[in-house]
């Protein structure tokens, strides 16, 4: 679809130098470095996962020493949460938000660069700890007393504290930048209810970060004081309370789940309409359900703590709110299904991953409702049932959604098309491999296998399902290699994509692929949430159907 709306004059001539990339404040370069950094750490975390699954493939395996297993187990969780998912989402936000709202850059370009380098420094610090035998080893949640001075006397936990503090600075600075950019710099005519749904989710996620990350910084600072200056915030012998750590950590930890999933839901809300050739069903419901999830995300943290002896009234409160948050989530899912219903579906690779997200995320989300039932949680807490639930939500949700977005916006970022055949191979290896890996974990949890175990005895009866899970993990690794080859080869030699290969309708597709440094030769003016659709199909423009409100 040809368009003239705010079209740029073309991509920058000639490749930028390495120094230009290191010193850049351009939101697109920063976004790409976030994404590339996230993929690099994803590979490291994937190697850790393969080692874990190989160690557990059969009973009484001795591939890894118990201490090394604890370090690898901890680093896997840290990397996937803090160094893959969070920064990759930030990368998409950095690259796309200014383009989607019709601007030339973020509100604070230098703060944007600071966020990137704080992320890279924190990640490299954690890798240095792993390379020098000082990797964090108390789980990604770093529970005391295991992480306290009585049980952990080396530098392992100190690397966790300093590394995550740098990552907290990165995320918080980035969130402030997103809030100001989105609220103050939208294109003329773009009211709140004309923003692309991905921008909606980035805005809500930024507000969650600003509130949720400080408790993590506080908990880490207090632990550092306990470990190095002799205080007793978490030590009962000095009047402290180890449960305080859990409250502070999960004040961050459960909102973090929505920090990881909401932007992905925003990506899907852009993908489903384009590949269904229909406007999103119930735009306002999808948008404001995001706000509802953001508000409720602060009210469910203690469902991780049903076994610590909280009063029954408190357990009932957190269980009820955990079930309540499923309502706005279901609104999104049913609206996506309604968008596809009766549409002219095109099952390109981004759409396959988006549909795969629905199935995988539901298998994790329904289990989340199950473990929100307090007596059930008492039985399966700290078992592989919870591991399966989390991985279905994180991998089947966040990772599937991120690769749906990566395939969708790859032509915009690179100016080239990837190989659809290889994209489908990637999808099926991940879809089949993901279910082979994580579904057996539900069974293992019901059979009583605790999480964090280094090995197990053959008499437990866990060998078969652990072997199946390990085979699935190798399929995931194969799918990842296919994806990396596909994208690398396409970036170098893929066919030219043109400005808008998907016939999409948000503003990032109104400029060249890749966009020029300045994004738009003139800033666009819009009337709806799908301006390119209105330009191409004026008889179906949504502002003619009464959706545009000049007061917003």
Protein backbone atom coordinates (compact mmCIF):
# COMPACT_ATOMS: atom_id res chain seq x y z
CA UNK A 1 0.00 0.00 0.00
CA UNK A 2 1.49 3.32 -1.00
CA UNK A 3 1.14 6.19 1.42
CA UNK A 4 2.19 9.81 1.65
CA UNK A 5 1.33 10.40 5.29
CA UNK A 6 4.45 11.91 6.85
CA UNK A 7 6.71 9.94 4.54
CA UNK A 8 10.44 10.37 5.08
CA UNK A 9 12.95 11.00 2.35
CA UNK A 10 14.70 7.65 2.69
CA UNK A 11 17.11 5.77 4.89
CA UNK A 12 20.41 7.16 6.02
CA UNK A 13 23.08 6.79 3.35
CA UNK A 14 25.95 4.50 4.26
CA UNK A 15 26.44 2.34 7.33
CA UNK A 16 27.11 4.12 10.63
CA UNK A 17 30.48 3.67 12.27
CA UNK A 18 30.97 1.73 15.51
CA UNK A 19 31.64 5.02 17.30
CA UNK A 20 28.36 6.45 16.07
CA UNK A 21 26.56 3.49 17.60
CA UNK A 22 28.41 3.74 20.91
CA UNK A 23 27.63 7.45 21.28
CA UNK A 24 24.18 7.53 19.69
CA UNK A 25 21.07 9.03 21.22
CA UNK A 26 18.87 7.97 18.28
CA UNK A 27 15.96 5.96 19.67
CA UNK A 28 16.10 3.47 16.79
CA UNK A 29 19.77 2.57 17.27
CA UNK A 30 19.22 2.36 21.04
CA UNK A 31 16.20 0.13 20.47
CA UNK A 32 18.17 -2.17 18.17
CA UNK A 33 21.02 -2.44 20.69
CA UNK A 34 18.53 -3.33 23.42
CA UNK A 35 17.05 -6.06 21.20
CA UNK A 36 20.45 -7.42 20.14
CA UNK A 37 21.63 -7.38 23.74
CA UNK A 38 18.46 -9.20 24.81
CA UNK A 39 18.97 -11.88 22.14
CA UNK A 40 22.61 -12.34 23.23
CA UNK A 41 21.58 -12.87 26.85
CA UNK A 42 18.73 -15.13 25.68
CA UNK A 43 21.35 -17.42 24.15
CA UNK A 44 23.35 -17.47 27.39
CA UNK A 45 20.21 -18.19 29.41
CA UNK A 46 19.24 -20.89 26.90
CA UNK A 47 22.61 -22.62 27.35
CA UNK A 48 22.01 -22.55 31.11
CA UNK A 49 18.56 -24.08 30.56
CA UNK A 50 20.01 -26.85 28.38
CA UNK A 51 22.54 -27.69 31.10
CA UNK A 52 19.77 -27.81 33.73
CA UNK A 53 17.58 -30.07 31.59
CA UNK A 54 20.51 -32.35 30.75
CA UNK A 55 21.36 -32.69 34.43
CA UNK A 56 17.74 -33.65 35.17
CA UNK A 57 17.20 -35.90 32.11
CA UNK A 58 17.70 -39.02 34.23
CA UNK A 59 18.01 -39.90 37.89
CA UNK A 60 21.34 -39.64 39.72
CA UNK A 61 23.03 -37.66 36.94
CA UNK A 62 26.40 -36.12 37.78
CA UNK A 63 26.93 -33.71 34.89
CA UNK A 64 27.04 -30.67 37.18
CA UNK A 65 28.38 -30.19 40.69
CA UNK A 66 25.60 -29.14 43.11
CA UNK A 67 27.17 -25.70 43.71
CA UNK A 68 27.56 -25.10 39.98
CA UNK A 69 23.98 -26.25 39.44
CA UNK A 70 22.76 -23.62 41.94
CA UNK A 71 24.68 -20.92 40.08
CA UNK A 72 23.40 -22.00 36.67
CA UNK A 73 19.83 -22.33 37.97
CA UNK A 74 20.00 -18.83 39.44
CA UNK A 75 21.63 -17.22 36.42
CA UNK A 76 19.08 -18.81 34.08
CA UNK A 77 16.24 -17.10 35.92
CA UNK A 78 18.07 -13.79 36.28
CA UNK A 79 19.04 -13.68 32.62
CA UNK A 80 15.64 -14.57 31.23
CA UNK A 81 13.77 -12.07 33.43
CA UNK A 82 16.17 -9.15 33.76
CA UNK A 83 18.47 -9.48 30.74
CA UNK A 84 16.31 -10.96 27.99
CA UNK A 85 12.62 -10.15 28.40
CA UNK A 86 12.72 -6.76 30.13
CA UNK A 87 15.38 -5.12 27.89
CA UNK A 88 14.01 -6.68 24.68
CA UNK A 89 10.62 -5.17 25.47
CA UNK A 90 12.39 -1.87 26.17
CA UNK A 91 14.07 -2.21 22.78
CA UNK A 92 10.78 -2.55 20.94
CA UNK A 93 9.39 0.37 22.91
CA UNK A 94 12.38 2.54 22.11
CA UNK A 95 12.32 1.73 18.43
CA UNK A 96 8.58 1.92 17.86
CA UNK A 97 6.95 4.39 20.25
CA UNK A 98 8.30 7.63 18.66
CA UNK A 99 7.46 6.28 15.21
CA UNK A 100 3.97 5.20 16.27
CA UNK A 101 3.11 8.56 17.83
CA UNK A 102 4.58 10.56 14.95
CA UNK A 103 7.69 11.98 16.62
CA UNK A 104 11.38 12.15 15.79
CA UNK A 105 12.82 10.83 19.08
CA UNK A 106 12.16 10.18 22.75
CA UNK A 107 11.62 13.08 25.14
CA UNK A 108 15.05 12.66 26.81
CA UNK A 109 17.52 11.14 24.31
CA UNK A 110 20.52 11.21 26.68
CA UNK A 111 18.53 9.60 29.48
CA UNK A 112 17.59 6.97 26.92
CA UNK A 113 21.27 6.24 26.25
CA UNK A 114 21.96 6.09 29.99
CA UNK A 115 19.23 3.46 30.36
CA UNK A 116 20.83 1.32 27.66
CA UNK A 117 24.34 1.45 29.11
CA UNK A 118 23.11 0.78 32.66
CA UNK A 119 21.41 -2.37 31.33
CA UNK A 120 24.54 -3.52 29.50
CA UNK A 121 26.78 -2.80 32.49
CA UNK A 122 24.50 -4.66 34.88
CA UNK A 123 24.30 -7.64 32.53
CA UNK A 124 28.05 -7.79 31.96
CA UNK A 125 28.64 -7.55 35.71
CA UNK A 126 26.46 -10.62 36.30
CA UNK A 127 28.32 -12.49 33.55
CA UNK A 128 31.65 -11.53 35.13
CA UNK A 129 30.38 -13.02 38.38
CA UNK A 130 29.51 -16.24 36.57
CA UNK A 131 32.86 -16.37 34.75
CA UNK A 132 34.83 -15.87 37.97
CA UNK A 133 32.92 -18.41 40.06
CA UNK A 134 30.97 -15.71 41.90
CA UNK A 135 27.63 -16.10 40.17
CA UNK A 136 24.49 -15.53 42.26
CA UNK A 137 23.44 -18.88 43.71
CA UNK A 138 20.33 -18.36 45.87
CA UNK A 139 17.70 -18.42 43.11
CA UNK A 140 16.64 -15.47 40.97
CA UNK A 141 14.38 -14.41 43.88
CA UNK A 142 17.41 -14.50 46.23
CA UNK A 143 15.44 -15.49 49.34
CA UNK A 144 16.90 -14.85 52.75
CA UNK A 145 18.26 -16.49 54.83
CA UNK A 146 19.94 -18.36 51.93
CA UNK A 147 21.26 -15.05 50.61
CA UNK A 148 22.08 -13.67 54.05
CA UNK A 149 25.54 -13.44 55.64
CA UNK A 150 25.06 -16.62 57.70
CA UNK A 151 24.60 -18.87 54.65
CA UNK A 152 26.32 -17.05 51.78
CA UNK A 153 29.74 -15.65 52.66
CA UNK A 154 31.27 -15.10 49.22
CA UNK A 155 30.64 -12.40 46.62
CA UNK A 156 27.91 -14.36 44.83
CA UNK A 157 24.95 -12.50 46.33
CA UNK A 158 26.76 -9.15 46.19
CA UNK A 159 26.98 -9.58 42.41
CA UNK A 160 23.18 -10.13 42.44
CA UNK A 161 22.66 -6.95 44.49
CA UNK A 162 24.85 -4.64 42.40
CA UNK A 163 23.82 -6.12 39.06
CA UNK A 164 20.07 -5.92 39.70
CA UNK A 165 20.44 -2.40 41.12
CA UNK A 166 21.96 -1.24 37.83
CA UNK A 167 19.16 -2.96 35.93
CA UNK A 168 16.62 -1.25 38.19
CA UNK A 169 18.15 2.14 37.37
CA UNK A 170 17.97 1.30 33.67
CA UNK A 171 14.32 0.28 33.74
CA UNK A 172 13.18 3.17 35.94
CA UNK A 173 14.93 5.81 33.84
CA UNK A 174 13.49 4.26 30.68
CA UNK A 175 9.98 4.20 32.18
CA UNK A 176 10.09 7.90 33.05
CA UNK A 177 11.20 8.64 29.48
CA UNK A 178 8.30 6.62 28.03
CA UNK A 179 5.73 8.33 30.25
CA UNK A 180 6.82 11.84 29.27
CA UNK A 181 7.21 10.95 25.59
CA UNK A 182 3.76 9.36 25.27
CA UNK A 183 1.85 11.89 27.36
CA UNK A 184 3.48 15.03 25.95
CA UNK A 185 4.71 14.31 22.41
CA UNK A 186 1.92 12.64 20.45
CA UNK A 187 1.24 13.73 16.87
CA UNK A 188 -1.39 16.42 16.28
CA UNK A 189 -4.85 14.88 16.48
CA UNK A 190 -3.69 11.79 18.37
CA UNK A 191 -5.73 11.78 21.57
CA UNK A 192 -5.42 9.11 24.23
CA UNK A 193 -8.04 7.01 22.49
CA UNK A 194 -6.28 7.28 19.13
CA UNK A 195 -2.97 5.85 20.34
CA UNK A 196 -1.87 2.49 18.90
CA UNK A 197 -2.58 -0.28 21.39
CA UNK A 198 1.12 -1.11 21.69
CA UNK A 199 1.71 2.47 22.88
CA UNK A 200 -1.10 2.00 25.42
CA UNK A 201 0.59 -1.04 26.90
CA UNK A 202 4.02 0.63 27.00
CA UNK A 203 2.52 3.59 28.88
CA UNK A 204 0.79 1.41 31.48
CA UNK A 205 3.89 -0.76 31.83
CA UNK A 206 6.02 2.35 32.44
CA UNK A 207 3.76 3.38 35.31
CA UNK A 208 3.99 -0.15 36.77
CA UNK A 209 7.81 0.02 36.59
CA UNK A 210 7.97 3.38 38.37
CA UNK A 211 6.02 1.93 41.31
CA UNK A 212 7.26 -1.69 41.28
CA UNK A 213 11.03 -1.34 40.90
CA UNK A 214 11.74 0.78 44.02
CA UNK A 215 10.80 -2.11 46.38
CA UNK A 216 13.43 -4.25 44.61
CA UNK A 217 16.05 -1.53 45.09
CA UNK A 218 15.11 -1.15 48.76
CA UNK A 219 15.19 -4.90 49.40
CA UNK A 220 18.60 -5.18 47.72
CA UNK A 221 20.01 -2.21 49.66
CA UNK A 222 18.84 -3.63 52.99
CA UNK A 223 20.35 -7.02 52.14
CA UNK A 224 23.65 -5.34 51.27
CA UNK A 225 23.62 -3.64 54.68
CA UNK A 226 22.95 -6.97 56.39
CA UNK A 227 25.74 -8.69 54.50
CA UNK A 228 28.42 -6.02 54.74
CA UNK A 229 27.65 -3.61 57.59
CA UNK A 230 26.21 -5.90 60.24
CA UNK A 231 22.58 -4.76 60.26
CA UNK A 232 19.74 -7.24 60.85
CA UNK A 233 16.84 -6.27 58.63
CA UNK A 234 16.23 -9.90 57.69
CA UNK A 235 18.00 -11.74 60.54
CA UNK A 236 15.68 -12.86 63.39
CA UNK A 237 18.67 -13.06 65.74
CA UNK A 238 18.96 -9.28 65.52
CA UNK A 239 15.25 -8.53 65.51
CA UNK A 240 14.76 -8.76 61.74
CA UNK A 241 12.28 -10.82 59.75
CA UNK A 242 13.11 -12.92 56.65
CA UNK A 243 9.48 -12.64 55.51
CA UNK A 244 10.11 -8.91 54.97
CA UNK A 245 12.29 -9.91 52.02
CA UNK A 246 9.43 -11.82 50.43
CA UNK A 247 7.01 -8.91 50.82
CA UNK A 248 9.47 -6.42 49.34
CA UNK A 249 10.63 -8.73 46.57
CA UNK A 250 7.16 -9.81 45.44
CA UNK A 251 5.98 -6.19 45.56
CA UNK A 252 8.27 -6.02 42.57
CA UNK A 253 8.14 -9.63 41.43
CA UNK A 254 4.50 -10.00 40.57
CA UNK A 255 4.05 -6.61 38.86
CA UNK A 256 7.11 -7.72 36.89
CA UNK A 257 4.96 -10.48 35.38
CA UNK A 258 2.71 -7.79 33.88
CA UNK A 259 5.73 -5.69 32.90
CA UNK A 260 6.75 -8.68 30.78
CA UNK A 261 3.35 -9.56 29.34
CA UNK A 262 1.47 -6.28 28.77
CA UNK A 263 3.74 -4.90 26.00
CA UNK A 264 3.59 -8.31 24.32
CA UNK A 265 -0.20 -8.10 24.45
CA UNK A 266 0.14 -4.69 22.82
CA UNK A 267 2.19 -6.24 20.02
CA UNK A 268 -0.48 -8.87 19.44
CA UNK A 269 -3.14 -6.15 19.36
CA UNK A 270 -1.28 -4.69 16.38
CA UNK A 271 -0.65 -8.05 14.67
CA UNK A 272 -4.09 -9.69 14.86
CA UNK A 273 -5.96 -6.90 13.02
CA UNK A 274 -3.37 -6.59 10.25
CA UNK A 275 -3.35 -10.31 9.47
CA UNK A 276 -7.13 -10.60 9.86
CA UNK A 277 -7.75 -7.56 7.60
CA UNK A 278 -10.17 -6.22 10.19
CA UNK A 279 -9.98 -3.39 12.74
CA UNK A 280 -9.40 -4.54 16.30
CA UNK A 281 -12.67 -5.58 17.91
CA UNK A 282 -13.47 -3.33 20.88
CA UNK A 283 -10.51 -0.94 20.78
CA UNK A 284 -11.55 0.88 23.97
CA UNK A 285 -12.13 -2.37 25.87
CA UNK A 286 -8.68 -3.65 24.90
CA UNK A 287 -7.07 -0.33 25.82
CA UNK A 288 -8.74 0.17 29.19
CA UNK A 289 -8.43 -3.48 30.17
CA UNK A 290 -4.69 -2.76 30.06
CA UNK A 291 -5.20 -0.06 32.67
CA UNK A 292 -7.26 -2.47 34.79
CA UNK A 293 -4.50 -5.08 34.68
CA UNK A 294 -1.94 -2.42 35.62
CA UNK A 295 -3.93 -1.35 38.69
CA UNK A 296 -4.66 -4.92 39.82
CA UNK A 297 -1.02 -5.94 39.38
CA UNK A 298 -0.18 -4.20 42.66
CA UNK A 299 -2.76 -6.18 44.66
CA UNK A 300 -1.72 -9.80 44.09
CA UNK A 301 1.92 -10.10 45.23
CA UNK A 302 1.28 -12.19 48.34
CA UNK A 303 -0.22 -15.11 46.43
CA UNK A 304 3.42 -16.19 46.27
CA UNK A 305 3.36 -16.40 50.06
CA UNK A 306 0.34 -18.55 50.93
CA UNK A 307 2.60 -21.02 52.76
CA UNK A 308 4.39 -18.54 55.06
CA UNK A 309 1.62 -18.36 57.67
CA UNK A 310 -0.33 -15.25 56.64
CA UNK A 311 -3.78 -14.76 58.22
CA UNK A 312 -6.58 -16.52 56.33
CA UNK A 313 -8.27 -13.18 55.63
CA UNK A 314 -5.13 -11.94 53.88
CA UNK A 315 -4.90 -15.14 51.88
CA UNK A 316 -8.54 -14.77 50.83
CA UNK A 317 -7.92 -11.16 49.72
CA UNK A 318 -4.93 -12.03 47.54
CA UNK A 319 -6.61 -15.14 46.13
CA UNK A 320 -9.69 -13.10 45.14
CA UNK A 321 -7.60 -10.40 43.45
CA UNK A 322 -5.57 -13.02 41.59
CA UNK A 323 -8.79 -14.41 40.13
CA UNK A 324 -10.07 -10.89 39.44
CA UNK A 325 -7.08 -10.00 37.26
CA UNK A 326 -8.12 -12.81 34.93
CA UNK A 327 -11.17 -10.76 33.88
CA UNK A 328 -9.42 -7.95 31.93
CA UNK A 329 -7.01 -10.55 30.58
CA UNK A 330 -9.96 -12.54 29.24
CA UNK A 331 -11.34 -9.33 27.69
CA UNK A 332 -8.21 -9.08 25.56
CA UNK A 333 -8.30 -12.73 24.53
CA UNK A 334 -11.96 -12.66 23.51
CA UNK A 335 -11.44 -9.39 21.63
CA UNK A 336 -8.54 -10.92 19.69
CA UNK A 337 -10.68 -13.96 18.85
CA UNK A 338 -13.51 -11.66 17.73
CA UNK A 339 -11.03 -9.75 15.57
CA UNK A 340 -10.01 -12.95 13.81
CA UNK A 341 -13.58 -14.23 13.53
CA UNK A 342 -14.79 -13.69 9.98
CA UNK A 343 -11.54 -12.04 8.93
CA UNK A 344 -9.39 -12.82 5.92
CA UNK A 345 -6.68 -14.58 7.91
CA UNK A 346 -3.15 -14.60 6.55
CA UNK A 347 -1.08 -17.16 8.43
CA UNK A 348 2.29 -15.50 7.98
CA UNK A 349 4.98 -16.15 10.60
CA UNK A 350 4.02 -13.21 12.89
CA UNK A 351 0.40 -14.43 12.91
CA UNK A 352 1.46 -18.02 13.66
CA UNK A 353 3.41 -16.88 16.71
CA UNK A 354 0.51 -14.67 17.81
CA UNK A 355 -1.93 -17.59 17.60
CA UNK A 356 0.62 -19.83 19.32
CA UNK A 357 0.75 -17.27 22.12
CA UNK A 358 -2.98 -17.71 22.72
CA UNK A 359 -2.73 -21.47 23.23
CA UNK A 360 0.45 -21.44 25.30
CA UNK A 361 -0.52 -18.47 27.44
CA UNK A 362 -3.90 -20.02 28.24
CA UNK A 363 -2.22 -23.22 29.42
CA UNK A 364 -0.17 -21.13 31.83
CA UNK A 365 -2.87 -18.65 32.80
CA UNK A 366 -5.45 -21.28 33.72
CA UNK A 367 -2.87 -22.95 35.96
CA UNK A 368 -2.35 -19.54 37.58
CA UNK A 369 -6.02 -19.47 38.54
CA UNK A 370 -5.63 -23.00 39.93
CA UNK A 371 -2.69 -22.10 42.18
CA UNK A 372 -4.56 -18.99 43.33
CA UNK A 373 -6.84 -21.42 45.18
CA UNK A 374 -5.17 -21.45 48.59
CA UNK A 375 -5.50 -25.18 49.48
CA UNK A 376 -4.22 -26.16 46.03
CA UNK A 377 -1.27 -23.80 46.40
CA UNK A 378 -0.42 -25.38 49.75
CA UNK A 379 -0.01 -28.70 47.91
CA UNK A 380 1.88 -27.61 44.80
CA UNK A 381 3.85 -24.60 46.11
CA UNK A 382 7.58 -24.86 45.32
CA UNK A 383 6.92 -27.86 43.08
CA UNK A 384 7.42 -28.27 39.35
CA UNK A 385 3.73 -27.49 38.88
CA UNK A 386 4.58 -23.84 39.59
CA UNK A 387 7.64 -24.07 37.32
CA UNK A 388 5.40 -25.28 34.49
CA UNK A 389 2.86 -22.50 35.13
CA UNK A 390 5.50 -19.79 35.07
CA UNK A 391 7.25 -21.11 31.96
CA UNK A 392 4.02 -21.41 30.01
CA UNK A 393 3.29 -17.77 30.86
CA UNK A 394 6.84 -16.54 30.32
CA UNK A 395 8.00 -18.65 27.37
CA UNK A 396 4.64 -19.45 25.79
CA UNK A 397 3.51 -15.90 26.45
CA UNK A 398 6.36 -13.41 26.52
CA UNK A 399 8.88 -15.22 24.29
CA UNK A 400 6.28 -16.24 21.68
CA UNK A 401 4.90 -12.70 21.67
CA UNK A 402 8.33 -11.11 21.37
CA UNK A 403 9.20 -13.24 18.36
CA UNK A 404 5.80 -12.47 16.82
CA UNK A 405 6.74 -8.80 17.18
CA UNK A 406 10.28 -9.38 15.95
CA UNK A 407 9.05 -11.06 12.78
CA UNK A 408 6.34 -8.41 12.31
CA UNK A 409 8.61 -5.38 12.64
CA UNK A 410 11.78 -6.97 11.23
CA UNK A 411 11.07 -5.59 7.71
CA UNK A 412 10.69 -2.11 9.19
CA UNK A 413 13.94 -2.36 11.17
CA UNK A 414 16.04 -3.99 8.47
CA UNK A 415 14.34 -2.99 5.22
CA UNK A 416 14.35 -6.67 4.23
CA UNK A 417 12.04 -9.69 4.28
CA UNK A 418 12.86 -12.92 6.09
CA UNK A 419 12.29 -16.47 4.80
CA UNK A 420 8.71 -17.51 5.62
CA UNK A 421 9.56 -21.21 5.34
CA UNK A 422 12.26 -20.95 7.99
CA UNK A 423 9.92 -18.83 10.09
CA UNK A 424 7.40 -21.66 10.05
CA UNK A 425 10.08 -24.19 11.03
CA UNK A 426 10.94 -21.97 13.96
CA UNK A 427 7.31 -21.76 15.02
CA UNK A 428 6.61 -25.49 14.94
CA UNK A 429 9.87 -26.42 16.68
CA UNK A 430 9.02 -23.96 19.45
CA UNK A 431 5.35 -24.87 19.68
CA UNK A 432 5.91 -28.63 19.83
CA UNK A 433 9.13 -28.33 21.83
CA UNK A 434 7.60 -25.88 24.30
CA UNK A 435 4.71 -28.20 25.08
CA UNK A 436 7.03 -31.20 25.34
CA UNK A 437 9.22 -29.24 27.76
CA UNK A 438 6.66 -27.64 30.05
CA UNK A 439 3.60 -29.92 30.05
CA UNK A 440 5.57 -32.77 31.75
CA UNK A 441 6.48 -30.31 34.49
CA UNK A 442 2.81 -30.13 35.49
CA UNK A 443 2.83 -33.91 35.89
CA UNK A 444 6.15 -33.84 37.78
CA UNK A 445 4.74 -31.26 40.18
CA UNK A 446 1.66 -33.39 40.84
CA UNK A 447 3.99 -36.35 41.40
CA UNK A 448 5.77 -34.33 44.10
CA UNK A 449 9.00 -33.18 42.42
CA UNK A 450 10.20 -30.00 44.18
CA UNK A 451 11.77 -27.17 42.22
CA UNK A 452 15.48 -26.40 42.62
CA UNK A 453 16.45 -30.07 43.11
CA UNK A 454 19.90 -30.89 41.77
CA UNK A 455 19.16 -34.60 41.24
CA UNK A 456 16.69 -37.29 42.30
CA UNK A 457 16.53 -41.02 43.00
CA UNK A 458 15.15 -43.48 40.45
CA UNK A 459 12.59 -44.75 42.96
CA UNK A 460 10.76 -41.41 42.73
CA UNK A 461 9.35 -42.29 39.30
CA UNK A 462 10.28 -38.97 37.72
CA UNK A 463 12.67 -40.23 35.01
CA UNK A 464 10.24 -40.52 32.09
CA UNK A 465 8.72 -37.05 32.31
CA UNK A 466 12.12 -35.44 32.91
CA UNK A 467 13.47 -37.16 29.80
CA UNK A 468 10.51 -35.92 27.73
CA UNK A 469 11.07 -32.39 29.03
CA UNK A 470 14.75 -32.56 28.09
CA UNK A 471 13.94 -33.71 24.53
CA UNK A 472 11.54 -30.76 24.26
CA UNK A 473 14.26 -28.38 25.47
CA UNK A 474 16.58 -29.55 22.69
CA UNK A 475 13.79 -28.88 20.18
CA UNK A 476 13.52 -25.34 21.54
CA UNK A 477 17.27 -24.93 21.06
CA UNK A 478 16.98 -26.14 17.46
CA UNK A 479 14.15 -23.70 16.77
CA UNK A 480 16.19 -20.84 18.20
CA UNK A 481 19.12 -21.64 15.90
CA UNK A 482 16.76 -21.70 12.91
CA UNK A 483 15.39 -18.28 13.90
CA UNK A 484 18.82 -16.73 14.34
CA UNK A 485 20.01 -18.02 10.96
CA UNK A 486 16.83 -16.80 9.29
CA UNK A 487 17.06 -13.28 10.68
CA UNK A 488 20.84 -13.01 10.17
CA UNK A 489 20.61 -14.16 6.55
CA UNK A 490 17.59 -11.91 5.86
CA UNK A 491 19.36 -8.86 7.32
CA UNK A 492 22.28 -9.43 4.95
CA UNK A 493 20.60 -10.73 1.79
CA UNK A 494 16.84 -10.76 2.17
CA UNK A 495 14.56 -9.22 -0.49
CA UNK A 496 13.80 -5.54 -0.02
CA UNK A 497 10.66 -5.01 2.03
CA UNK A 498 9.49 -1.56 1.02
CA UNK A 499 7.83 0.87 3.43
CA UNK A 500 4.78 -1.26 4.29
CA UNK A 501 4.99 -4.94 3.28
CA UNK A 502 2.12 -6.05 5.57
CA UNK A 503 -0.33 -3.34 4.43
CA UNK A 504 -0.49 -2.20 8.07
CA UNK A 505 -2.03 1.03 9.32
CA UNK A 506 -0.04 2.60 12.18
CA UNK A 507 2.39 5.46 11.64
CA UNK A 508 5.67 3.53 11.75
CA UNK A 509 4.69 2.06 8.36
CA UNK A 510 4.28 5.54 6.85
CA UNK A 511 8.02 6.06 6.50
CA UNK A 512 10.80 4.20 4.74
CA UNK A 513 12.24 0.85 5.87
CA UNK A 514 14.47 1.33 7.76
CA UNK A 515 13.37 4.83 8.75
CA UNK A 516 15.69 7.82 8.27
CA UNK A 517 17.36 9.41 11.29
CA UNK A 518 14.65 12.04 11.53
CA UNK A 519 11.76 9.51 11.08
CA UNK A 520 9.39 11.93 9.30
CA UNK A 521 10.17 14.77 6.90
CA UNK A 522 7.10 16.47 8.36
CA UNK A 523 5.27 15.44 11.49
CA UNK A 524 2.01 13.69 10.59
CA UNK A 525 -1.47 14.70 11.71
CA UNK A 526 -3.92 11.89 12.46
CA UNK A 527 -7.63 11.45 13.10
CA UNK A 528 -7.84 7.87 14.37
CA UNK A 529 -5.99 4.90 15.79
CA UNK A 530 -5.37 3.54 12.26
CA UNK A 531 -4.38 6.51 10.09
CA UNK A 532 -2.93 4.53 7.18
CA UNK A 533 -6.14 2.50 6.92
CA UNK A 534 -8.12 5.73 6.74
CA UNK A 535 -5.87 7.03 3.98
CA UNK A 536 -6.04 3.84 1.93
CA UNK A 537 -9.72 3.06 2.55
CA UNK A 538 -11.40 6.42 3.24
CA UNK A 539 -14.89 4.98 2.99
CA UNK A 540 -14.11 2.83 6.07
CA UNK A 541 -12.30 5.51 8.10
CA UNK A 542 -13.13 5.05 11.77
CA UNK A 543 -13.48 8.81 12.38
CA UNK A 544 -16.42 8.72 9.95
CA UNK A 545 -18.00 6.02 12.10
CA UNK A 546 -18.08 8.15 15.25
CA UNK A 547 -15.05 6.77 17.07
CA UNK A 548 -13.06 10.00 17.07
CA UNK A 549 -13.69 12.40 19.93
CA UNK A 550 -12.03 15.80 19.64
CA UNK A 551 -12.21 16.25 23.41
CA UNK A 552 -9.70 13.43 24.03
